Amino acid sequence: MKNIKIIAVLLFLAIGNVTNLNAQNIIGPKEGYTPQVGALVSMLEDLRGRITSSVEKMDTESTDFLLDDQANSIGAMILHLAATEKYYQVFTFENRGFTKEEEKEWMMPLELGDKARKKINGESIQHYLDIWEEVRQETLAQLKTKDDEWLNKRIANGNMNNHWAWYHVMEHQANHMGQIRLVRKRIPE
């Protein structure tokens, strides 16, 4: 009888954990957004959450680790994600590219490379995550002002619609999530 109770409790806990996991893994409408925009927001936030949870406890030395002389650090990749999202904000919400001032702030992390390897280091992972969070809050605020019709509109002077542009932002984040996880596994202990 005692074994049956233990098994019942374990089954209950296992089912509860599956239920909790499924409750967290839902893409769909979000309050304050139109249905398609809300689904997009769900996906953007899921990706950022998974990337953040995989790096948020890293120390600065690990944040700056370079796999080789052509690699980017995890800190640089997080800043790159913020820069990419910032670019698509101005491109889709304002129908323009970066201003000269925005280029000074965002082009190095957007392009990465040798200059970024030298300049983007020495900060905590939280520093980079805070920058990305600030950019994301602007994305979310702007998306609240948009509807599904906007999402499906072709971008002026572009070869894509707004939905594809933001899909590309997510695709980009997913690619770097894989790179970040690979680099994390290779950091010497």
C-alpha atoms as a PDB file:
ATOM      1  CA  MET A   1       0.000   0.000   0.000  1.00  0.00           C
ATOM      2  CA  LYS A   2       2.842   2.403   0.841  1.00  0.00           C
ATOM      3  CA  ASN A   3       4.408   1.795  -2.606  1.00  0.00           C
ATOM      4  CA  ILE A   4       1.105   2.577  -4.314  1.00  0.00           C
ATOM      5  CA  LYS A   5       0.899   5.910  -2.470  1.00  0.00           C
ATOM      6  CA  ILE A   6       4.448   6.761  -3.458  1.00  0.00           C
ATOM      7  CA  ILE A   7       3.739   5.855  -7.094  1.00  0.00           C
ATOM      8  CA  ALA A   8       0.517   7.903  -7.018  1.00  0.00           C
ATOM      9  CA  VAL A   9       2.380  10.930  -5.644  1.00  0.00           C
ATOM     10  CA  LEU A  10       5.143  10.565  -8.261  1.00  0.00           C
ATOM     11  CA  LEU A  11       2.559  10.277 -11.058  1.00  0.00           C
ATOM     12  CA  PHE A  12       0.740  13.347  -9.741  1.00  0.00           C
ATOM     13  CA  LEU A  13       3.987  15.308  -9.664  1.00  0.00           C
ATOM     14  CA  ALA A  14       4.952  14.108 -13.146  1.00  0.00           C
ATOM     15  CA  ILE A  15       1.544  15.032 -14.571  1.00  0.00           C
ATOM     16  CA  GLY A  16       1.678  18.369 -12.771  1.00  0.00           C
ATOM     17  CA  ASN A  17       5.105  19.086 -14.266  1.00  0.00           C
ATOM     18  CA  VAL A  18       3.897  18.186 -17.760  1.00  0.00           C
ATOM     19  CA  THR A  19       0.891  20.434 -17.282  1.00  0.00           C
ATOM     20  CA  ASN A  20       3.114  23.278 -16.080  1.00  0.00           C
ATOM     21  CA  LEU A  21       5.485  22.829 -18.993  1.00  0.00           C
ATOM     22  CA  ASN A  22       2.634  22.828 -21.487  1.00  0.00           C
ATOM     23  CA  ALA A  23       1.140  25.938 -19.901  1.00  0.00           C
ATOM     24  CA  GLN A  24       4.427  27.761 -20.480  1.00  0.00           C
ATOM     25  CA  ASN A  25       4.812  26.590 -24.067  1.00  0.00           C
ATOM     26  CA  ILE A  26       1.861  28.268 -25.704  1.00  0.00           C
ATOM     27  CA  ILE A  27       2.065  30.636 -28.643  1.00  0.00           C
ATOM     28  CA  GLY A  28      -0.998  32.745 -29.044  1.00  0.00           C
ATOM     29  CA  PRO A  29      -2.707  36.060 -28.595  1.00  0.00           C
ATOM     30  CA  LYS A  30      -1.517  38.404 -25.870  1.00  0.00           C
ATOM     31  CA  GLU A  31      -3.643  40.949 -24.087  1.00  0.00           C
ATOM     32  CA  GLY A  32      -3.233  44.409 -25.589  1.00  0.00           C
ATOM     33  CA  TYR A  33      -2.270  43.123 -29.050  1.00  0.00           C
ATOM     34  CA  THR A  34      -4.244  42.030 -32.098  1.00  0.00           C
ATOM     35  CA  PRO A  35      -4.252  38.214 -32.604  1.00  0.00           C
ATOM     36  CA  GLN A  36      -1.385  37.858 -35.091  1.00  0.00           C
ATOM     37  CA  VAL A  37       0.711  40.565 -33.457  1.00  0.00           C
ATOM     38  CA  GLY A  38       0.097  38.886 -30.086  1.00  0.00           C
ATOM     39  CA  ALA A  39       1.307  35.545 -31.439  1.00  0.00           C
ATOM     40  CA  LEU A  40       4.412  37.309 -32.742  1.00  0.00           C
ATOM     41  CA  VAL A  41       4.967  38.862 -29.304  1.00  0.00           C
ATOM     42  CA  SER A  42       4.619  35.397 -27.707  1.00  0.00           C
ATOM     43  CA  MET A  43       7.351  34.056 -29.955  1.00  0.00           C
ATOM     44  CA  LEU A  44       9.674  37.031 -29.475  1.00  0.00           C
ATOM     45  CA  GLU A  45       9.332  36.830 -25.710  1.00  0.00           C
ATOM     46  CA  ASP A  46       9.791  33.046 -25.650  1.00  0.00           C
ATOM     47  CA  LEU A  47      13.074  33.298 -27.557  1.00  0.00           C
ATOM     48  CA  ARG A  48      14.387  36.150 -25.422  1.00  0.00           C
ATOM     49  CA  GLY A  49      13.408  34.271 -22.271  1.00  0.00           C
ATOM     50  CA  ARG A  50      15.223  31.110 -23.332  1.00  0.00           C
ATOM     51  CA  ILE A  51      18.361  33.026 -24.317  1.00  0.00           C
ATOM     52  CA  THR A  52      18.300  35.074 -21.115  1.00  0.00           C
ATOM     53  CA  SER A  53      17.859  32.034 -18.868  1.00  0.00           C
ATOM     54  CA  SER A  54      20.811  30.308 -20.522  1.00  0.00           C
ATOM     55  CA  VAL A  55      23.229  33.201 -19.837  1.00  0.00           C
ATOM     56  CA  GLU A  56      21.950  35.279 -16.904  1.00  0.00           C
ATOM     57  CA  LYS A  57      24.195  33.669 -14.285  1.00  0.00           C
ATOM     58  CA  MET A  58      27.419  33.966 -16.266  1.00  0.00           C
ATOM     59  CA  ASP A  59      30.376  35.879 -14.858  1.00  0.00           C
ATOM     60  CA  THR A  60      32.185  38.564 -16.865  1.00  0.00           C
ATOM     61  CA  GLU A  61      35.062  36.279 -17.809  1.00  0.00           C
ATOM     62  CA  SER A  62      32.615  33.781 -19.326  1.00  0.00           C
ATOM     63  CA  THR A  63      30.613  36.583 -20.955  1.00  0.00           C
ATOM     64  CA  ASP A  64      33.819  37.750 -22.707  1.00  0.00           C
ATOM     65  CA  PHE A  65      35.124  34.273 -23.645  1.00  0.00           C
ATOM     66  CA  LEU A  66      36.152  33.896 -27.296  1.00  0.00           C
ATOM     67  CA  LEU A  67      36.094  30.416 -28.772  1.00  0.00           C
ATOM     68  CA  ASP A  68      38.796  31.461 -31.260  1.00  0.00           C
ATOM     69  CA  ASP A  69      40.174  34.615 -32.883  1.00  0.00           C
ATOM     70  CA  GLN A  70      37.226  34.827 -35.318  1.00  0.00           C
ATOM     71  CA  ALA A  71      34.486  34.171 -32.753  1.00  0.00           C
ATOM     72  CA  ASN A  72      32.150  36.549 -30.988  1.00  0.00           C
ATOM     73  CA  SER A  73      31.704  36.584 -27.234  1.00  0.00           C
ATOM     74  CA  ILE A  74      28.337  35.859 -25.686  1.00  0.00           C
ATOM     75  CA  GLY A  75      28.157  39.465 -24.505  1.00  0.00           C
ATOM     76  CA  ALA A  76      28.759  40.672 -28.062  1.00  0.00           C
ATOM     77  CA  MET A  77      26.101  38.307 -29.409  1.00  0.00           C
ATOM     78  CA  ILE A  78      23.520  39.601 -26.909  1.00  0.00           C
ATOM     79  CA  LEU A  79      24.371  43.179 -27.879  1.00  0.00           C
ATOM     80  CA  HIS A  80      24.159  42.102 -31.538  1.00  0.00           C
ATOM     81  CA  LEU A  81      20.625  40.790 -30.928  1.00  0.00           C
ATOM     82  CA  ALA A  82      19.673  44.144 -29.407  1.00  0.00           C
ATOM     83  CA  ALA A  83      21.221  46.023 -32.351  1.00  0.00           C
ATOM     84  CA  THR A  84      19.433  43.836 -34.897  1.00  0.00           C
ATOM     85  CA  GLU A  85      16.118  44.353 -33.136  1.00  0.00           C
ATOM     86  CA  LYS A  86      16.771  48.092 -32.959  1.00  0.00           C
ATOM     87  CA  TYR A  87      17.430  48.182 -36.704  1.00  0.00           C
ATOM     88  CA  TYR A  88      14.154  46.393 -37.464  1.00  0.00           C
ATOM     89  CA  GLN A  89      12.322  48.780 -35.149  1.00  0.00           C
ATOM     90  CA  VAL A  90      13.323  51.805 -37.207  1.00  0.00           C
ATOM     91  CA  PHE A  91      12.954  49.916 -40.484  1.00  0.00           C
ATOM     92  CA  THR A  92       9.427  48.630 -39.836  1.00  0.00           C
ATOM     93  CA  PHE A  93       7.940  51.175 -37.406  1.00  0.00           C
ATOM     94  CA  GLU A  94       9.467  54.295 -38.962  1.00  0.00           C
ATOM     95  CA  ASN A  95      10.227  53.119 -42.539  1.00  0.00           C
ATOM     96  CA  ARG A  96      13.851  54.253 -42.434  1.00  0.00           C
ATOM     97  CA  GLY A  97      17.405  53.134 -41.727  1.00  0.00           C
ATOM     98  CA  PHE A  98      19.633  54.269 -38.884  1.00  0.00           C
ATOM     99  CA  THR A  99      20.440  57.942 -38.460  1.00  0.00           C
ATOM    100  CA  LYS A 100      24.132  58.928 -38.172  1.00  0.00           C
ATOM    101  CA  GLU A 101      23.771  59.024 -34.385  1.00  0.00           C
ATOM    102  CA  GLU A 102      22.106  55.594 -34.284  1.00  0.00           C
ATOM    103  CA  GLU A 103      24.837  54.221 -36.543  1.00  0.00           C
ATOM    104  CA  LYS A 104      27.467  55.345 -34.013  1.00  0.00           C
ATOM    105  CA  GLU A 105      25.675  53.439 -31.264  1.00  0.00           C
ATOM    106  CA  TRP A 106      24.478  50.352 -33.114  1.00  0.00           C
ATOM    107  CA  MET A 107      26.568  49.546 -36.220  1.00  0.00           C
ATOM    108  CA  MET A 108      29.533  47.966 -34.434  1.00  0.00           C
ATOM    109  CA  PRO A 109      27.385  45.471 -32.506  1.00  0.00           C
ATOM    110  CA  LEU A 110      25.216  44.970 -35.582  1.00  0.00           C
ATOM    111  CA  GLU A 111      28.196  44.084 -37.792  1.00  0.00           C
ATOM    112  CA  LEU A 112      30.424  42.477 -35.095  1.00  0.00           C
ATOM    113  CA  GLY A 113      33.911  41.505 -36.371  1.00  0.00           C
ATOM    114  CA  ASP A 114      37.381  42.572 -35.204  1.00  0.00           C
ATOM    115  CA  LYS A 115      36.384  45.980 -33.878  1.00  0.00           C
ATOM    116  CA  ALA A 116      33.579  44.473 -31.789  1.00  0.00           C
ATOM    117  CA  ARG A 117      35.890  41.760 -30.428  1.00  0.00           C
ATOM    118  CA  LYS A 118      38.186  44.508 -29.122  1.00  0.00           C
ATOM    119  CA  LYS A 119      35.509  46.897 -27.838  1.00  0.00           C
ATOM    120  CA  ILE A 120      32.659  44.730 -26.557  1.00  0.00           C
ATOM    121  CA  ASN A 121      34.053  43.248 -23.353  1.00  0.00           C
ATOM    122  CA  GLY A 122      34.544  43.898 -19.676  1.00  0.00           C
ATOM    123  CA  GLU A 123      30.857  44.257 -18.846  1.00  0.00           C
ATOM    124  CA  SER A 124      28.578  41.940 -16.922  1.00  0.00           C
ATOM    125  CA  ILE A 125      26.074  39.795 -18.777  1.00  0.00           C
ATOM    126  CA  GLN A 126      23.378  41.834 -17.047  1.00  0.00           C
ATOM    127  CA  HIS A 127      24.689  44.960 -18.773  1.00  0.00           C
ATOM    128  CA  TYR A 128      24.013  43.415 -22.193  1.00  0.00           C
ATOM    129  CA  LEU A 129      20.700  41.907 -21.117  1.00  0.00           C
ATOM    130  CA  ASP A 130      19.557  45.303 -19.794  1.00  0.00           C
ATOM    131  CA  ILE A 131      20.298  46.919 -23.160  1.00  0.00           C
ATOM    132  CA  TRP A 132      18.348  44.188 -24.942  1.00  0.00           C
ATOM    133  CA  GLU A 133      15.498  44.578 -22.436  1.00  0.00           C
ATOM    134  CA  GLU A 134      15.322  48.315 -23.123  1.00  0.00           C
ATOM    135  CA  VAL A 135      15.183  47.685 -26.873  1.00  0.00           C
ATOM    136  CA  ARG A 136      12.549  44.974 -26.361  1.00  0.00           C
ATOM    137  CA  GLN A 137      10.331  47.234 -24.283  1.00  0.00           C
ATOM    138  CA  GLU A 138      10.306  49.688 -27.188  1.00  0.00           C
ATOM    139  CA  THR A 139       9.430  46.848 -29.592  1.00  0.00           C
ATOM    140  CA  LEU A 140       6.529  45.766 -27.383  1.00  0.00           C
ATOM    141  CA  ALA A 141       5.250  49.317 -26.983  1.00  0.00           C
ATOM    142  CA  GLN A 142       5.381  49.904 -30.745  1.00  0.00           C
ATOM    143  CA  LEU A 143       3.707  46.574 -31.524  1.00  0.00           C
ATOM    144  CA  LYS A 144       0.803  47.571 -29.262  1.00  0.00           C
ATOM    145  CA  THR A 145       0.108  50.389 -31.713  1.00  0.00           C
ATOM    146  CA  LYS A 146       0.073  48.030 -34.714  1.00  0.00           C
ATOM    147  CA  ASP A 147      -2.570  45.617 -35.950  1.00  0.00           C
ATOM    148  CA  ASP A 148      -2.716  42.493 -38.091  1.00  0.00           C
ATOM    149  CA  GLU A 149      -3.262  44.588 -41.220  1.00  0.00           C
ATOM    150  CA  TRP A 150       0.025  46.445 -40.539  1.00  0.00           C
ATOM    151  CA  LEU A 151       1.774  43.135 -39.925  1.00  0.00           C
ATOM    152  CA  ASN A 152       0.829  41.953 -43.405  1.00  0.00           C
ATOM    153  CA  LYS A 153       1.664  45.243 -45.182  1.00  0.00           C
ATOM    154  CA  ARG A 154       4.643  45.388 -47.486  1.00  0.00           C
ATOM    155  CA  ILE A 155       7.421  47.661 -46.192  1.00  0.00           C
ATOM    156  CA  ALA A 156       7.860  50.802 -48.267  1.00  0.00           C
ATOM    157  CA  ASN A 157      10.928  50.458 -50.496  1.00  0.00           C
ATOM    158  CA  GLY A 158      11.411  46.911 -49.213  1.00  0.00           C
ATOM    159  CA  ASN A 159      11.040  43.418 -50.566  1.00  0.00           C
ATOM    160  CA  MET A 160       9.229  42.064 -47.509  1.00  0.00           C
ATOM    161  CA  ASN A 161       6.213  42.647 -45.350  1.00  0.00           C
ATOM    162  CA  ASN A 162       6.369  43.585 -41.660  1.00  0.00           C
ATOM    163  CA  HIS A 163       5.513  40.045 -40.605  1.00  0.00           C
ATOM    164  CA  TRP A 164       8.470  38.617 -42.515  1.00  0.00           C
ATOM    165  CA  ALA A 165      10.770  41.285 -41.055  1.00  0.00           C
ATOM    166  CA  TRP A 166       9.842  40.324 -37.494  1.00  0.00           C
ATOM    167  CA  TYR A 167       9.951  36.631 -38.359  1.00  0.00           C
ATOM    168  CA  HIS A 168      13.524  37.299 -39.481  1.00  0.00           C
ATOM    169  CA  VAL A 169      14.305  38.952 -36.130  1.00  0.00           C
ATOM    170  CA  MET A 170      13.116  35.752 -34.410  1.00  0.00           C
ATOM    171  CA  GLU A 171      14.997  33.520 -36.852  1.00  0.00           C
ATOM    172  CA  HIS A 172      18.121  35.561 -36.162  1.00  0.00           C
ATOM    173  CA  GLN A 173      17.660  35.219 -32.399  1.00  0.00           C
ATOM    174  CA  ALA A 174      17.144  31.454 -32.705  1.00  0.00           C
ATOM    175  CA  ASN A 175      20.359  31.105 -34.725  1.00  0.00           C
ATOM    176  CA  HIS A 176      22.354  33.032 -32.140  1.00  0.00           C
ATOM    177  CA  MET A 177      20.722  31.060 -29.324  1.00  0.00           C
ATOM    178  CA  GLY A 178      22.394  27.979 -30.813  1.00  0.00           C
ATOM    179  CA  GLN A 179      25.732  29.765 -31.094  1.00  0.00           C
ATOM    180  CA  ILE A 180      25.480  31.030 -27.528  1.00  0.00           C
ATOM    181  CA  ARG A 181      24.794  27.531 -26.217  1.00  0.00           C
ATOM    182  CA  LEU A 182      27.709  26.114 -28.192  1.00  0.00           C
ATOM    183  CA  VAL A 183      30.091  28.753 -26.809  1.00  0.00           C
ATOM    184  CA  ARG A 184      28.792  28.176 -23.258  1.00  0.00           C
ATOM    185  CA  LYS A 185      29.633  24.479 -23.520  1.00  0.00           C
ATOM    186  CA  ARG A 186      33.170  25.314 -24.653  1.00  0.00           C
ATOM    187  CA  ILE A 187      34.038  27.771 -21.870  1.00  0.00           C
ATOM    188  CA  PRO A 188      36.876  26.261 -19.799  1.00  0.00           C
ATOM    189  CA  GLU A 189      35.932  25.586 -16.198  1.00  0.00           C
END
